[in-house]
């Protein structure tokens, strides 16, 4: 049986993300299909780690709009880092280690873009990037 997602988050992400005040704000584990969800928040930045049918995904959001999430691939392109990167893999530990490195390197940038003062503009741009990615993938 795979390790629970919260355990993976605690062992591979939380210790390094704690320097930014990142803490777990919600957690759910399902008995079916290995599905689970962990939401973390540090300042105005929210990170959602989802495991669905053993595939791990990462989304980003702002505390100012807790129901609005953007896939890590959208955020990576929005920041000008890559138009194909993001965290989606069956290797949960690898995803979380990569996410920890990303948060260390780009925390200041994320904090600014996801702050309540700047998130409305960032949200418009992130939505545009998401739509462009969708067109590229699905036509």
Protein backbone atom coordinates (compact mmCIF):
# COMPACT_ATOMS: atom_id res chain seq x y z
CA UNK A 1 0.00 0.00 0.00
CA UNK A 2 1.42 3.44 -0.91
CA UNK A 3 2.41 5.94 1.74
CA UNK A 4 -0.31 8.40 2.67
CA UNK A 5 0.03 11.72 0.86
CA UNK A 6 0.26 13.74 4.06
CA UNK A 7 3.23 11.62 5.13
CA UNK A 8 4.93 12.26 1.79
CA UNK A 9 4.29 16.00 2.07
CA UNK A 10 5.63 16.09 5.62
CA UNK A 11 8.79 14.15 4.79
CA UNK A 12 9.67 15.65 1.39
CA UNK A 13 8.25 19.19 1.34
CA UNK A 14 7.14 20.63 4.65
CA UNK A 15 10.52 20.88 6.36
CA UNK A 16 11.96 23.05 3.58
CA UNK A 17 8.71 24.96 2.95
CA UNK A 18 8.30 25.76 6.65
CA UNK A 19 10.90 28.52 6.32
CA UNK A 20 8.25 30.40 4.32
CA UNK A 21 5.56 29.80 6.93
CA UNK A 22 4.06 27.01 4.81
CA UNK A 23 1.76 24.77 6.84
CA UNK A 24 -0.92 22.19 6.13
CA UNK A 25 -4.39 23.78 6.18
CA UNK A 26 -6.42 20.80 4.97
CA UNK A 27 -5.96 17.13 4.22
CA UNK A 28 -8.16 14.35 2.82
CA UNK A 29 -7.36 10.70 2.06
CA UNK A 30 -9.83 8.57 0.14
CA UNK A 31 -10.10 4.83 0.46
CA UNK A 32 -10.58 4.43 -3.26
CA UNK A 33 -8.15 4.72 -6.16
CA UNK A 34 -5.39 6.03 -3.85
CA UNK A 35 -6.88 9.53 -4.12
CA UNK A 36 -5.75 12.20 -1.64
CA UNK A 37 -5.43 15.95 -1.22
CA UNK A 38 -3.19 18.18 0.90
CA UNK A 39 -3.49 21.98 0.88
CA UNK A 40 -0.66 24.10 2.28
CA UNK A 41 -0.47 27.83 2.82
CA UNK A 42 2.37 30.20 3.60
CA UNK A 43 1.51 33.88 3.63
CA UNK A 44 -0.71 34.49 0.61
CA UNK A 45 0.55 31.50 -1.39
CA UNK A 46 -1.48 28.31 -1.39
CA UNK A 47 -0.26 25.00 -2.78
CA UNK A 48 -2.53 22.05 -3.45
CA UNK A 49 -1.00 18.59 -3.83
CA UNK A 50 -3.39 16.05 -5.31
CA UNK A 51 -2.90 12.35 -5.80
CA UNK A 52 -5.42 10.81 -8.15
CA UNK A 53 -5.08 7.18 -9.18
CA UNK A 54 -1.42 7.26 -8.05
CA UNK A 55 -0.59 10.32 -10.20
CA UNK A 56 0.56 13.38 -8.18
CA UNK A 57 -0.33 16.91 -9.35
CA UNK A 58 0.48 20.36 -7.95
CA UNK A 59 -1.67 23.51 -8.19
CA UNK A 60 -1.06 27.05 -6.93
CA UNK A 61 -3.51 29.62 -5.61
CA UNK A 62 -3.88 32.76 -3.54
CA UNK A 63 -5.31 33.13 -0.06
CA UNK A 64 -7.40 36.00 -1.43
CA UNK A 65 -9.40 33.54 -3.61
CA UNK A 66 -9.10 30.11 -1.98
CA UNK A 67 -11.31 28.34 -4.53
CA UNK A 68 -9.20 29.45 -7.54
CA UNK A 69 -6.35 27.13 -8.53
CA UNK A 70 -3.84 27.04 -11.38
CA UNK A 71 -1.95 23.97 -12.49
CA UNK A 72 1.79 24.02 -11.94
CA UNK A 73 2.42 23.91 -15.71
CA UNK A 74 0.39 27.12 -16.09
CA UNK A 75 2.32 28.81 -13.28
CA UNK A 76 5.67 27.73 -14.75
CA UNK A 77 4.78 29.21 -18.13
CA UNK A 78 3.33 32.36 -16.53
CA UNK A 79 6.64 32.92 -14.75
CA UNK A 80 8.48 32.49 -18.05
CA UNK A 81 10.28 29.33 -16.93
CA UNK A 82 8.88 26.71 -19.29
CA UNK A 83 5.85 26.10 -21.44
CA UNK A 84 5.97 22.34 -20.81
CA UNK A 85 7.12 21.93 -17.19
CA UNK A 86 5.04 21.35 -14.10
CA UNK A 87 4.68 18.67 -11.47
CA UNK A 88 2.69 15.64 -12.60
CA UNK A 89 4.15 12.22 -11.98
CA UNK A 90 3.61 8.87 -10.28
CA UNK A 91 6.77 9.47 -8.20
CA UNK A 92 5.22 11.47 -5.36
CA UNK A 93 8.51 11.92 -3.50
CA UNK A 94 10.18 13.22 -6.67
CA UNK A 95 7.34 15.66 -7.33
CA UNK A 96 7.51 17.01 -3.79
CA UNK A 97 11.30 17.33 -3.79
CA UNK A 98 11.11 19.27 -7.08
CA UNK A 99 8.36 21.45 -5.66
CA UNK A 100 10.45 22.15 -2.55
CA UNK A 101 13.37 23.28 -4.74
CA UNK A 102 11.02 25.48 -6.78
CA UNK A 103 9.53 27.10 -3.68
CA UNK A 104 13.01 27.87 -2.31
CA UNK A 105 14.08 29.47 -5.58
CA UNK A 106 10.89 31.38 -6.46
CA UNK A 107 9.23 32.13 -3.12
CA UNK A 108 9.60 35.89 -3.40
CA UNK A 109 8.18 35.92 -6.93
CA UNK A 110 5.24 33.71 -5.92
CA UNK A 111 4.57 35.83 -2.83
CA UNK A 112 4.34 38.98 -4.92
CA UNK A 113 2.22 37.48 -7.71
CA UNK A 114 -0.23 35.74 -5.38
CA UNK A 115 -0.64 38.60 -2.90
CA UNK A 116 -4.15 40.11 -2.62
CA UNK A 117 -2.93 43.39 -4.18
CA UNK A 118 -1.53 41.80 -7.35
CA UNK A 119 -3.50 38.56 -7.69
CA UNK A 120 -6.35 40.06 -9.75
CA UNK A 121 -3.90 40.92 -12.56
CA UNK A 122 -1.98 37.67 -12.12
CA UNK A 123 -5.26 35.73 -12.25
CA UNK A 124 -6.11 37.30 -15.62
CA UNK A 125 -2.68 36.39 -17.01
CA UNK A 126 -2.77 32.88 -15.53
CA UNK A 127 -6.21 32.33 -17.05
CA UNK A 128 -4.90 33.47 -20.44
CA UNK A 129 -1.93 31.09 -20.19
CA UNK A 130 -4.24 28.23 -19.19
CA UNK A 131 -6.47 28.88 -22.20
CA UNK A 132 -3.47 29.05 -24.56
CA UNK A 133 -2.13 25.77 -23.18
CA UNK A 134 -5.51 24.18 -23.70
CA UNK A 135 -5.63 25.32 -27.33
CA UNK A 136 -2.10 23.99 -27.93
CA UNK A 137 -2.99 20.62 -26.40
CA UNK A 138 -6.48 20.08 -27.69
CA UNK A 139 -6.78 22.40 -30.66
